[in-house]
Amino acid sequence: IHKKQGDIELLADTMKKLEEEWKNKQDDLERKIQCLEE
């Protein structure tokens, strides 16, 4: 059972900033995984 605990918070004008943050997180993680593979 999924009950709303708060509002879905997302503003269109912050999208570019959020995309950049998630891109950086993913890039960092890919580098770590690559390092572990090596």
PDB file of all heavy atoms in Angstrom:
ATOM      1  N   ILE A   1       0.867  -1.185   0.000  1.00  0.00           N
ATOM      2  CA  ILE A   1       0.000   0.000   0.000  1.00  0.00           C
ATOM      3  C   ILE A   1       0.898   1.228   0.000  1.00  0.00           C
ATOM      4  O   ILE A   1       1.740   1.404   0.889  1.00  0.00           O
ATOM      5  CB  ILE A   1      -0.953   0.001   1.207  1.00  0.00           C
ATOM      6  CG1 ILE A   1      -1.942  -1.162   1.063  1.00  0.00           C
ATOM      7  CG2 ILE A   1      -1.685   1.334   1.314  1.00  0.00           C
ATOM      8  CD1 ILE A   1      -2.854  -1.371   2.231  1.00  0.00           C
ATOM      9  N   HIS A   2       0.734   2.059  -1.024  1.00  0.00           N
ATOM     10  CA  HIS A   2       1.553   3.262  -1.169  1.00  0.00           C
ATOM     11  C   HIS A   2       0.712   4.494  -0.844  1.00  0.00           C
ATOM     12  O   HIS A   2      -0.214   4.815  -1.579  1.00  0.00           O
ATOM     13  CB  HIS A   2       2.110   3.354  -2.596  1.00  0.00           C
ATOM     14  CG  HIS A   2       2.996   2.211  -2.944  1.00  0.00           C
ATOM     15  ND1 HIS A   2       2.600   1.186  -3.773  1.00  0.00           N
ATOM     16  CD2 HIS A   2       4.259   1.920  -2.551  1.00  0.00           C
ATOM     17  CE1 HIS A   2       3.584   0.319  -3.893  1.00  0.00           C
ATOM     18  NE2 HIS A   2       4.599   0.736  -3.160  1.00  0.00           N
ATOM     19  N   LYS A   3       1.075   5.121   0.260  1.00  0.00           N
ATOM     20  CA  LYS A   3       0.393   6.360   0.658  1.00  0.00           C
ATOM     21  C   LYS A   3       1.368   7.511   0.524  1.00  0.00           C
ATOM     22  O   LYS A   3       2.547   7.388   0.874  1.00  0.00           O
ATOM     23  CB  LYS A   3      -0.088   6.255   2.111  1.00  0.00           C
ATOM     24  CG  LYS A   3      -1.246   5.288   2.287  1.00  0.00           C
ATOM     25  CD  LYS A   3      -1.774   5.341   3.695  1.00  0.00           C
ATOM     26  CE  LYS A   3      -2.962   4.391   3.860  1.00  0.00           C
ATOM     27  NZ  LYS A   3      -3.411   4.314   5.246  1.00  0.00           N
ATOM     28  N   LYS A   4       0.841   8.611   0.057  1.00  0.00           N
ATOM     29  CA  LYS A   4       1.694   9.778  -0.151  1.00  0.00           C
ATOM     30  C   LYS A   4       2.194  10.306   1.190  1.00  0.00           C
ATOM     31  O   LYS A   4       1.402  10.606   2.077  1.00  0.00           O
ATOM     32  CB  LYS A   4       0.911  10.851  -0.913  1.00  0.00           C
ATOM     33  CG  LYS A   4       1.797  11.936  -1.486  1.00  0.00           C
ATOM     34  CD  LYS A   4       1.088  12.786  -2.516  1.00  0.00           C
ATOM     35  CE  LYS A   4       0.154  13.752  -1.842  1.00  0.00           C
ATOM     36  NZ  LYS A   4      -0.161  14.919  -2.677  1.00  0.00           N
ATOM     37  N   GLN A   5       3.516  10.403   1.323  1.00  0.00           N
ATOM     38  CA  GLN A   5       4.143  10.921   2.543  1.00  0.00           C
ATOM     39  C   GLN A   5       4.471  12.407   2.420  1.00  0.00           C
ATOM     40  O   GLN A   5       4.777  13.062   3.402  1.00  0.00           O
ATOM     41  CB  GLN A   5       5.435  10.149   2.841  1.00  0.00           C
ATOM     42  CG  GLN A   5       5.274   8.631   2.849  1.00  0.00           C
ATOM     43  CD  GLN A   5       4.384   8.154   3.983  1.00  0.00           C
ATOM     44  OE1 GLN A   5       4.505   8.613   5.107  1.00  0.00           O
ATOM     45  NE2 GLN A   5       3.487   7.237   3.672  1.00  0.00           N
ATOM     46  N   GLY A   6       4.441  12.899   1.207  1.00  0.00           N
ATOM     47  CA  GLY A   6       4.747  14.309   0.946  1.00  0.00           C
ATOM     48  C   GLY A   6       4.462  14.604  -0.513  1.00  0.00           C
ATOM     49  O   GLY A   6       4.078  13.708  -1.270  1.00  0.00           O
ATOM     50  N   ASP A   7       4.638  15.836  -0.922  1.00  0.00           N
ATOM     51  CA  ASP A   7       4.390  16.202  -2.318  1.00  0.00           C
ATOM     52  C   ASP A   7       5.523  15.716  -3.210  1.00  0.00           C
ATOM     53  O   ASP A   7       6.666  15.592  -2.775  1.00  0.00           O
ATOM     54  CB  ASP A   7       4.260  17.729  -2.456  1.00  0.00           C
ATOM     55  CG  ASP A   7       2.948  18.231  -1.871  1.00  0.00           C
ATOM     56  OD1 ASP A   7       1.963  17.462  -1.882  1.00  0.00           O
ATOM     57  OD2 ASP A   7       2.911  19.380  -1.391  1.00  0.00           O
ATOM     58  N   ILE A   8       5.172  15.464  -4.467  1.00  0.00           N
ATOM     59  CA  ILE A   8       6.200  15.186  -5.474  1.00  0.00           C
ATOM     60  C   ILE A   8       6.819  16.532  -5.817  1.00  0.00           C
ATOM     61  O   ILE A   8       6.167  17.399  -6.414  1.00  0.00           O
ATOM     62  CB  ILE A   8       5.588  14.528  -6.733  1.00  0.00           C
ATOM     63  CG1 ILE A   8       4.935  13.189  -6.373  1.00  0.00           C
ATOM     64  CG2 ILE A   8       6.658  14.328  -7.804  1.00  0.00           C
ATOM     65  CD1 ILE A   8       4.141  12.561  -7.510  1.00  0.00           C
ATOM     66  N   GLU A   9       8.050  16.709  -5.411  1.00  0.00           N
ATOM     67  CA  GLU A   9       8.686  18.019  -5.582  1.00  0.00           C
ATOM     68  C   GLU A   9       9.606  18.000  -6.791  1.00  0.00           C
ATOM     69  O   GLU A   9      10.629  17.325  -6.793  1.00  0.00           O
ATOM     70  CB  GLU A   9       9.460  18.393  -4.319  1.00  0.00           C
ATOM     71  CG  GLU A   9       8.542  18.625  -3.133  1.00  0.00           C
ATOM     72  CD  GLU A   9       9.281  19.089  -1.897  1.00  0.00           C
ATOM     73  OE1 GLU A   9      10.464  19.450  -2.003  1.00  0.00           O
ATOM     74  OE2 GLU A   9       8.662  19.079  -0.818  1.00  0.00           O
ATOM     75  N   LEU A  10       9.217  18.742  -7.804  1.00  0.00           N
ATOM     76  CA  LEU A  10      10.038  18.853  -9.010  1.00  0.00           C
ATOM     77  C   LEU A  10       9.656  20.118  -9.744  1.00  0.00           C
ATOM     78  O   LEU A  10       8.486  20.334 -10.068  1.00  0.00           O
ATOM     79  CB  LEU A  10       9.826  17.642  -9.923  1.00  0.00           C
ATOM     80  CG  LEU A  10      10.794  17.552 -11.099  1.00  0.00           C
ATOM     81  CD1 LEU A  10      12.235  17.359 -10.629  1.00  0.00           C
ATOM     82  CD2 LEU A  10      10.402  16.417 -12.026  1.00  0.00           C
ATOM     83  N   LEU A  11      10.638  20.958  -9.963  1.00  0.00           N
ATOM     84  CA  LEU A  11      10.405  22.212 -10.685  1.00  0.00           C
ATOM     85  C   LEU A  11      11.100  22.141 -12.037  1.00  0.00           C
ATOM     86  O   LEU A  11      12.273  21.767 -12.120  1.00  0.00           O
ATOM     87  CB  LEU A  11      10.947  23.405  -9.886  1.00  0.00           C
ATOM     88  CG  LEU A  11      10.303  23.638  -8.513  1.00  0.00           C
ATOM     89  CD1 LEU A  11      11.035  24.744  -7.769  1.00  0.00           C
ATOM     90  CD2 LEU A  11       8.823  23.993  -8.667  1.00  0.00           C
ATOM     91  N   ALA A  12      10.366  22.492 -13.083  1.00  0.00           N
ATOM     92  CA  ALA A  12      10.908  22.416 -14.448  1.00  0.00           C
ATOM     93  C   ALA A  12      12.186  23.244 -14.589  1.00  0.00           C
ATOM     94  O   ALA A  12      13.116  22.840 -15.286  1.00  0.00           O
ATOM     95  CB  ALA A  12       9.856  22.871 -15.451  1.00  0.00           C
ATOM     96  N   ASP A  13      12.246  24.393 -13.910  1.00  0.00           N
ATOM     97  CA  ASP A  13      13.410  25.258 -14.100  1.00  0.00           C
ATOM     98  C   ASP A  13      14.662  24.772 -13.360  1.00  0.00           C
ATOM     99  O   ASP A  13      15.733  25.355 -13.493  1.00  0.00           O
ATOM    100  CB  ASP A  13      13.090  26.717 -13.747  1.00  0.00           C
ATOM    101  CG  ASP A  13      12.596  26.889 -12.312  1.00  0.00           C
ATOM    102  OD1 ASP A  13      12.622  25.909 -11.553  1.00  0.00           O
ATOM    103  OD2 ASP A  13      12.174  28.014 -11.971  1.00  0.00           O
ATOM    104  N   THR A  14      14.541  23.706 -12.557  1.00  0.00           N
ATOM    105  CA  THR A  14      15.739  23.147 -11.908  1.00  0.00           C
ATOM    106  C   THR A  14      16.225  21.882 -12.618  1.00  0.00           C
ATOM    107  O   THR A  14      17.194  21.264 -12.192  1.00  0.00           O
ATOM    108  CB  THR A  14      15.451  22.788 -10.430  1.00  0.00           C
ATOM    109  OG1 THR A  14      14.456  21.740 -10.382  1.00  0.00           O
ATOM    110  CG2 THR A  14      14.985  23.985  -9.649  1.00  0.00           C
ATOM    111  N   MET A  15      15.554  21.501 -13.716  1.00  0.00           N
ATOM    112  CA  MET A  15      15.866  20.246 -14.397  1.00  0.00           C
ATOM    113  C   MET A  15      17.315  20.169 -14.858  1.00  0.00           C
ATOM    114  O   MET A  15      17.981  19.157 -14.679  1.00  0.00           O
ATOM    115  CB  MET A  15      14.920  20.038 -15.583  1.00  0.00           C
ATOM    116  CG  MET A  15      13.595  19.416 -15.202  1.00  0.00           C
ATOM    117  SD  MET A  15      13.809  17.773 -14.483  1.00  0.00           S
ATOM    118  CE  MET A  15      14.613  16.926 -15.823  1.00  0.00           C
ATOM    119  N   LYS A  16      17.817  21.217 -15.476  1.00  0.00           N
ATOM    120  CA  LYS A  16      19.192  21.189 -16.005  1.00  0.00           C
ATOM    121  C   LYS A  16      20.195  20.939 -14.886  1.00  0.00           C
ATOM    122  O   LYS A  16      21.131  20.158 -15.029  1.00  0.00           O
ATOM    123  CB  LYS A  16      19.521  22.508 -16.721  1.00  0.00           C
ATOM    124  CG  LYS A  16      18.859  22.660 -18.061  1.00  0.00           C
ATOM    125  CD  LYS A  16      19.499  21.737 -19.085  1.00  0.00           C
ATOM    126  CE  LYS A  16      18.811  21.847 -20.441  1.00  0.00           C
ATOM    127  NZ  LYS A  16      18.959  20.620 -21.225  1.00  0.00           N
ATOM    128  N   LYS A  17      19.970  21.603 -13.747  1.00  0.00           N
ATOM    129  CA  LYS A  17      20.875  21.442 -12.606  1.00  0.00           C
ATOM    130  C   LYS A  17      20.808  20.006 -12.074  1.00  0.00           C
ATOM    131  O   LYS A  17      21.836  19.386 -11.795  1.00  0.00           O
ATOM    132  CB  LYS A  17      20.485  22.440 -11.508  1.00  0.00           C
ATOM    133  CG  LYS A  17      21.387  22.413 -10.291  1.00  0.00           C
ATOM    134  CD  LYS A  17      21.036  23.563  -9.360  1.00  0.00           C
ATOM    135  CE  LYS A  17      21.918  23.584  -8.135  1.00  0.00           C
ATOM    136  NZ  LYS A  17      21.527  22.664  -7.088  1.00  0.00           N
ATOM    137  N   LEU A  18      19.589  19.473 -11.950  1.00  0.00           N
ATOM    138  CA  LEU A  18      19.423  18.104 -11.459  1.00  0.00           C
ATOM    139  C   LEU A  18      20.041  17.083 -12.417  1.00  0.00           C
ATOM    140  O   LEU A  18      20.689  16.134 -11.989  1.00  0.00           O
ATOM    141  CB  LEU A  18      17.936  17.790 -11.253  1.00  0.00           C
ATOM    142  CG  LEU A  18      17.248  18.465 -10.069  1.00  0.00           C
ATOM    143  CD1 LEU A  18      15.749  18.249 -10.145  1.00  0.00           C
ATOM    144  CD2 LEU A  18      17.800  17.928  -8.748  1.00  0.00           C
ATOM    145  N   GLU A  19      19.844  17.304 -13.712  1.00  0.00           N
ATOM    146  CA  GLU A  19      20.424  16.394 -14.710  1.00  0.00           C
ATOM    147  C   GLU A  19      21.940  16.385 -14.601  1.00  0.00           C
ATOM    148  O   GLU A  19      22.568  15.324 -14.682  1.00  0.00           O
ATOM    149  CB  GLU A  19      19.997  16.803 -16.127  1.00  0.00           C
ATOM    150  CG  GLU A  19      18.587  16.374 -16.472  1.00  0.00           C
ATOM    151  CD  GLU A  19      18.171  16.787 -17.881  1.00  0.00           C
ATOM    152  OE1 GLU A  19      19.033  17.273 -18.650  1.00  0.00           O
ATOM    153  OE2 GLU A  19      16.989  16.631 -18.206  1.00  0.00           O
ATOM    154  N   GLU A  20      22.540  17.551 -14.404  1.00  0.00           N
ATOM    155  CA  GLU A  20      23.999  17.645 -14.282  1.00  0.00           C
ATOM    156  C   GLU A  20      24.485  16.918 -13.025  1.00  0.00           C
ATOM    157  O   GLU A  20      25.487  16.208 -13.051  1.00  0.00           O
ATOM    158  CB  GLU A  20      24.417  19.122 -14.252  1.00  0.00           C
ATOM    159  CG  GLU A  20      25.908  19.361 -14.389  1.00  0.00           C
ATOM    160  CD  GLU A  20      26.489  18.852 -15.702  1.00  0.00           C
ATOM    161  OE1 GLU A  20      25.790  18.876 -16.740  1.00  0.00           O
ATOM    162  OE2 GLU A  20      27.658  18.424 -15.673  1.00  0.00           O
ATOM    163  N   GLU A  21      23.742  17.080 -11.920  1.00  0.00           N
ATOM    164  CA  GLU A  21      24.115  16.404 -10.668  1.00  0.00           C
ATOM    165  C   GLU A  21      24.076  14.886 -10.829  1.00  0.00           C
ATOM    166  O   GLU A  21      24.994  14.176 -10.414  1.00  0.00           O
ATOM    167  CB  GLU A  21      23.172  16.827  -9.536  1.00  0.00           C
ATOM    168  CG  GLU A  21      23.419  18.235  -9.030  1.00  0.00           C
ATOM    169  CD  GLU A  21      22.365  18.700  -8.031  1.00  0.00           C
ATOM    170  OE1 GLU A  21      21.507  17.888  -7.627  1.00  0.00           O
ATOM    171  OE2 GLU A  21      22.402  19.895  -7.672  1.00  0.00           O
ATOM    172  N   TRP A  22      22.985  14.370 -11.450  1.00  0.00           N
ATOM    173  CA  TRP A  22      22.860  12.920 -11.639  1.00  0.00           C
ATOM    174  C   TRP A  22      23.899  12.403 -12.637  1.00  0.00           C
ATOM    175  O   TRP A  22      24.418  11.301 -12.488  1.00  0.00           O
ATOM    176  CB  TRP A  22      21.449  12.554 -12.090  1.00  0.00           C
ATOM    177  CG  TRP A  22      20.488  12.492 -10.946  1.00  0.00           C
ATOM    178  CD1 TRP A  22      19.553  13.426 -10.619  1.00  0.00           C
ATOM    179  CD2 TRP A  22      20.363  11.453  -9.969  1.00  0.00           C
ATOM    180  NE1 TRP A  22      18.860  13.028  -9.499  1.00  0.00           N
ATOM    181  CE2 TRP A  22      19.334  11.823  -9.089  1.00  0.00           C
ATOM    182  CE3 TRP A  22      21.036  10.245  -9.756  1.00  0.00           C
ATOM    183  CZ2 TRP A  22      18.949  11.034  -8.008  1.00  0.00           C
ATOM    184  CZ3 TRP A  22      20.655   9.451  -8.683  1.00  0.00           C
ATOM    185  CH2 TRP A  22      19.631   9.847  -7.819  1.00  0.00           C
ATOM    186  N   LYS A  23      24.215  13.203 -13.649  1.00  0.00           N
ATOM    187  CA  LYS A  23      25.233  12.811 -14.625  1.00  0.00           C
ATOM    188  C   LYS A  23      26.581  12.664 -13.923  1.00  0.00           C
ATOM    189  O   LYS A  23      27.314  11.701 -14.146  1.00  0.00           O
ATOM    190  CB  LYS A  23      25.323  13.847 -15.749  1.00  0.00           C
ATOM    191  CG  LYS A  23      26.342  13.485 -16.831  1.00  0.00           C
ATOM    192  CD  LYS A  23      26.452  14.581 -17.869  1.00  0.00           C
ATOM    193  CE  LYS A  23      27.480  14.239 -18.926  1.00  0.00           C
ATOM    194  NZ  LYS A  23      28.824  13.942 -18.392  1.00  0.00           N
ATOM    195  N   ASN A  24      26.915  13.626 -13.054  1.00  0.00           N
ATOM    196  CA  ASN A  24      28.186  13.569 -12.325  1.00  0.00           C
ATOM    197  C   ASN A  24      28.247  12.351 -11.406  1.00  0.00           C
ATOM    198  O   ASN A  24      29.281  11.681 -11.306  1.00  0.00           O
ATOM    199  CB  ASN A  24      28.410  14.861 -11.527  1.00  0.00           C
ATOM    200  CG  ASN A  24      28.678  16.050 -12.427  1.00  0.00           C
ATOM    201  OD1 ASN A  24      29.106  15.892 -13.574  1.00  0.00           O
ATOM    202  ND2 ASN A  24      28.415  17.250 -11.937  1.00  0.00           N
ATOM    203  N   LYS A  25      27.115  12.060 -10.721  1.00  0.00           N
ATOM    204  CA  LYS A  25      27.068  10.875  -9.853  1.00  0.00           C
ATOM    205  C   LYS A  25      27.316   9.602 -10.654  1.00  0.00           C
ATOM    206  O   LYS A  25      28.070   8.726 -10.242  1.00  0.00           O
ATOM    207  CB  LYS A  25      25.697  10.776  -9.158  1.00  0.00           C
ATOM    208  CG  LYS A  25      25.487  11.728  -8.014  1.00  0.00           C
ATOM    209  CD  LYS A  25      24.101  11.510  -7.412  1.00  0.00           C
ATOM    210  CE  LYS A  25      23.766  12.573  -6.397  1.00  0.00           C
ATOM    211  NZ  LYS A  25      22.419  12.409  -5.845  1.00  0.00           N
ATOM    212  N   GLN A  26      26.656   9.535 -11.802  1.00  0.00           N
ATOM    213  CA  GLN A  26      26.791   8.336 -12.637  1.00  0.00           C
ATOM    214  C   GLN A  26      28.213   8.215 -13.194  1.00  0.00           C
ATOM    215  O   GLN A  26      28.790   7.123 -13.207  1.00  0.00           O
ATOM    216  CB  GLN A  26      25.757   8.368 -13.778  1.00  0.00           C
ATOM    217  CG  GLN A  26      25.617   7.037 -14.455  1.00  0.00           C
ATOM    218  CD  GLN A  26      24.405   6.935 -15.360  1.00  0.00           C
ATOM    219  OE1 GLN A  26      24.191   5.874 -15.893  1.00  0.00           O
ATOM    220  NE2 GLN A  26      23.617   7.965 -15.554  1.00  0.00           N
ATOM    221  N   ASP A  27      28.797   9.339 -13.630  1.00  0.00           N
ATOM    222  CA  ASP A  27      30.172   9.329 -14.140  1.00  0.00           C
ATOM    223  C   ASP A  27      31.148   8.873 -13.063  1.00  0.00           C
ATOM    224  O   ASP A  27      32.042   8.063 -13.318  1.00  0.00           O
ATOM    225  CB  ASP A  27      30.571  10.723 -14.645  1.00  0.00           C
ATOM    226  CG  ASP A  27      29.865  11.096 -15.946  1.00  0.00           C
ATOM    227  OD1 ASP A  27      29.287  10.198 -16.597  1.00  0.00           O
ATOM    228  OD2 ASP A  27      29.886  12.296 -16.299  1.00  0.00           O
ATOM    229  N   ASP A  28      30.983   9.397 -11.834  1.00  0.00           N
ATOM    230  CA  ASP A  28      31.860   9.004 -10.719  1.00  0.00           C
ATOM    231  C   ASP A  28      31.753   7.508 -10.441  1.00  0.00           C
ATOM    232  O   ASP A  28      32.759   6.828 -10.239  1.00  0.00           O
ATOM    233  CB  ASP A  28      31.502   9.780  -9.443  1.00  0.00           C
ATOM    234  CG  ASP A  28      31.921  11.249  -9.510  1.00  0.00           C
ATOM    235  OD1 ASP A  28      32.732  11.594 -10.397  1.00  0.00           O
ATOM    236  OD2 ASP A  28      31.431  12.038  -8.678  1.00  0.00           O
ATOM    237  N   LEU A  29      30.529   7.011 -10.435  1.00  0.00           N
ATOM    238  CA  LEU A  29      30.307   5.594 -10.153  1.00  0.00           C
ATOM    239  C   LEU A  29      30.883   4.715 -11.258  1.00  0.00           C
ATOM    240  O   LEU A  29      31.483   3.678 -10.986  1.00  0.00           O
ATOM    241  CB  LEU A  29      28.812   5.337  -9.981  1.00  0.00           C
ATOM    242  CG  LEU A  29      28.402   3.976  -9.410  1.00  0.00           C
ATOM    243  CD1 LEU A  29      29.115   3.670  -8.105  1.00  0.00           C
ATOM    244  CD2 LEU A  29      26.896   3.929  -9.212  1.00  0.00           C
ATOM    245  N   GLU A  30      30.744   5.144 -12.514  1.00  0.00           N
ATOM    246  CA  GLU A  30      31.319   4.381 -13.627  1.00  0.00           C
ATOM    247  C   GLU A  30      32.834   4.313 -13.509  1.00  0.00           C
ATOM    248  O   GLU A  30      33.437   3.273 -13.773  1.00  0.00           O
ATOM    249  CB  GLU A  30      30.915   5.007 -14.968  1.00  0.00           C
ATOM    250  CG  GLU A  30      29.516   4.607 -15.397  1.00  0.00           C
ATOM    251  CD  GLU A  30      29.099   5.227 -16.722  1.00  0.00           C
ATOM    252  OE1 GLU A  30      29.780   6.173 -17.191  1.00  0.00           O
ATOM    253  OE2 GLU A  30      28.095   4.775 -17.280  1.00  0.00           O
ATOM    254  N   ARG A  31      33.469   5.426 -13.085  1.00  0.00           N
ATOM    255  CA  ARG A  31      34.923   5.422 -12.892  1.00  0.00           C
ATOM    256  C   ARG A  31      35.321   4.454 -11.775  1.00  0.00           C
ATOM    257  O   ARG A  31      36.302   3.723 -11.887  1.00  0.00           O
ATOM    258  CB  ARG A  31      35.422   6.835 -12.578  1.00  0.00           C
ATOM    259  CG  ARG A  31      35.581   7.710 -13.811  1.00  0.00           C
ATOM    260  CD  ARG A  31      36.358   8.978 -13.508  1.00  0.00           C
ATOM    261  NE  ARG A  31      35.583   9.905 -12.688  1.00  0.00           N
ATOM    262  CZ  ARG A  31      34.734  10.807 -13.175  1.00  0.00           C
ATOM    263  NH1 ARG A  31      34.553  10.906 -14.483  1.00  0.00           N
ATOM    264  NH2 ARG A  31      34.079  11.612 -12.379  1.00  0.00           N
ATOM    265  N   LYS A  32      34.536   4.438 -10.688  1.00  0.00           N
ATOM    266  CA  LYS A  32      34.836   3.524  -9.576  1.00  0.00           C
ATOM    267  C   LYS A  32      34.703   2.071 -10.013  1.00  0.00           C
ATOM    268  O   LYS A  32      35.542   1.231  -9.678  1.00  0.00           O
ATOM    269  CB  LYS A  32      33.903   3.805  -8.395  1.00  0.00           C
ATOM    270  CG  LYS A  32      34.253   5.069  -7.638  1.00  0.00           C
ATOM    271  CD  LYS A  32      33.250   5.357  -6.550  1.00  0.00           C
ATOM    272  CE  LYS A  32      33.539   6.705  -5.906  1.00  0.00           C
ATOM    273  NZ  LYS A  32      32.468   7.157  -5.014  1.00  0.00           N
ATOM    274  N   ILE A  33      33.626   1.769 -10.763  1.00  0.00           N
ATOM    275  CA  ILE A  33      33.420   0.401 -11.231  1.00  0.00           C
ATOM    276  C   ILE A  33      34.550  -0.003 -12.177  1.00  0.00           C
ATOM    277  O   ILE A  33      35.083  -1.109 -12.083  1.00  0.00           O
ATOM    278  CB  ILE A  33      32.040   0.255 -11.917  1.00  0.00           C
ATOM    279  CG1 ILE A  33      30.926   0.318 -10.853  1.00  0.00           C
ATOM    280  CG2 ILE A  33      31.945  -1.057 -12.700  1.00  0.00           C
ATOM    281  CD1 ILE A  33      29.529   0.367 -11.409  1.00  0.00           C
ATOM    282  N   GLN A  34      34.944   0.905 -13.071  1.00  0.00           N
ATOM    283  CA  GLN A  34      36.041   0.630 -14.002  1.00  0.00           C
ATOM    284  C   GLN A  34      37.330   0.359 -13.239  1.00  0.00           C
ATOM    285  O   GLN A  34      38.075  -0.562 -13.556  1.00  0.00           O
ATOM    286  CB  GLN A  34      36.223   1.818 -14.962  1.00  0.00           C
ATOM    287  CG  GLN A  34      37.306   1.615 -16.007  1.00  0.00           C
ATOM    288  CD  GLN A  34      37.009   0.483 -16.955  1.00  0.00           C
ATOM    289  OE1 GLN A  34      35.870   0.279 -17.341  1.00  0.00           O
ATOM    290  NE2 GLN A  34      38.012  -0.278 -17.325  1.00  0.00           N
ATOM    291  N   CYS A  35      37.569   1.165 -12.201  1.00  0.00           N
ATOM    292  CA  CYS A  35      38.768   0.987 -11.380  1.00  0.00           C
ATOM    293  C   CYS A  35      38.741  -0.377 -10.691  1.00  0.00           C
ATOM    294  O   CYS A  35      39.751  -1.078 -10.646  1.00  0.00           O
ATOM    295  CB  CYS A  35      38.848   2.116 -10.353  1.00  0.00           C
ATOM    296  SG  CYS A  35      40.333   2.062  -9.347  1.00  0.00           S
ATOM    297  N   LEU A  36      37.575  -0.764 -10.170  1.00  0.00           N
ATOM    298  CA  LEU A  36      37.449  -2.070  -9.514  1.00  0.00           C
ATOM    299  C   LEU A  36      37.676  -3.202 -10.511  1.00  0.00           C
ATOM    300  O   LEU A  36      38.338  -4.185 -10.190  1.00  0.00           O
ATOM    301  CB  LEU A  36      36.058  -2.215  -8.879  1.00  0.00           C
ATOM    302  CG  LEU A  36      35.820  -1.431  -7.594  1.00  0.00           C
ATOM    303  CD1 LEU A  36      34.355  -1.549  -7.175  1.00  0.00           C
ATOM    304  CD2 LEU A  36      36.721  -1.929  -6.475  1.00  0.00           C
ATOM    305  N   GLU A  37      37.147  -3.054 -11.728  1.00  0.00           N
ATOM    306  CA  GLU A  37      37.352  -4.086 -12.756  1.00  0.00           C
ATOM    307  C   GLU A  37      38.832  -4.250 -13.060  1.00  0.00           C
ATOM    308  O   GLU A  37      39.336  -5.366 -13.167  1.00  0.00           O
ATOM    309  CB  GLU A  37      36.589  -3.712 -14.035  1.00  0.00           C
ATOM    310  CG  GLU A  37      35.088  -3.930 -13.938  1.00  0.00           C
ATOM    311  CD  GLU A  37      34.346  -3.399 -15.164  1.00  0.00           C
ATOM    312  OE1 GLU A  37      34.985  -2.798 -16.052  1.00  0.00           O
ATOM    313  OE2 GLU A  37      33.120  -3.593 -15.214  1.00  0.00           O
ATOM    314  N   GLU A  38      39.532  -3.109 -13.168  1.00  0.00           N
ATOM    315  CA  GLU A  38      40.973  -3.162 -13.448  1.00  0.00           C
ATOM    316  C   GLU A  38      41.724  -3.809 -12.291  1.00  0.00           C
ATOM    317  O   GLU A  38      42.626  -4.625 -12.500  1.00  0.00           O
ATOM    318  CB  GLU A  38      41.514  -1.756 -13.716  1.00  0.00           C
ATOM    319  CG  GLU A  38      41.070  -1.197 -15.055  1.00  0.00           C
ATOM    320  CD  GLU A  38      41.413   0.277 -15.232  1.00  0.00           C
ATOM    321  OE1 GLU A  38      42.084   0.851 -14.344  1.00  0.00           O
ATOM    322  OE2 GLU A  38      40.991   0.846 -16.259  1.00  0.00           O
TER     323      GLU A  38
END
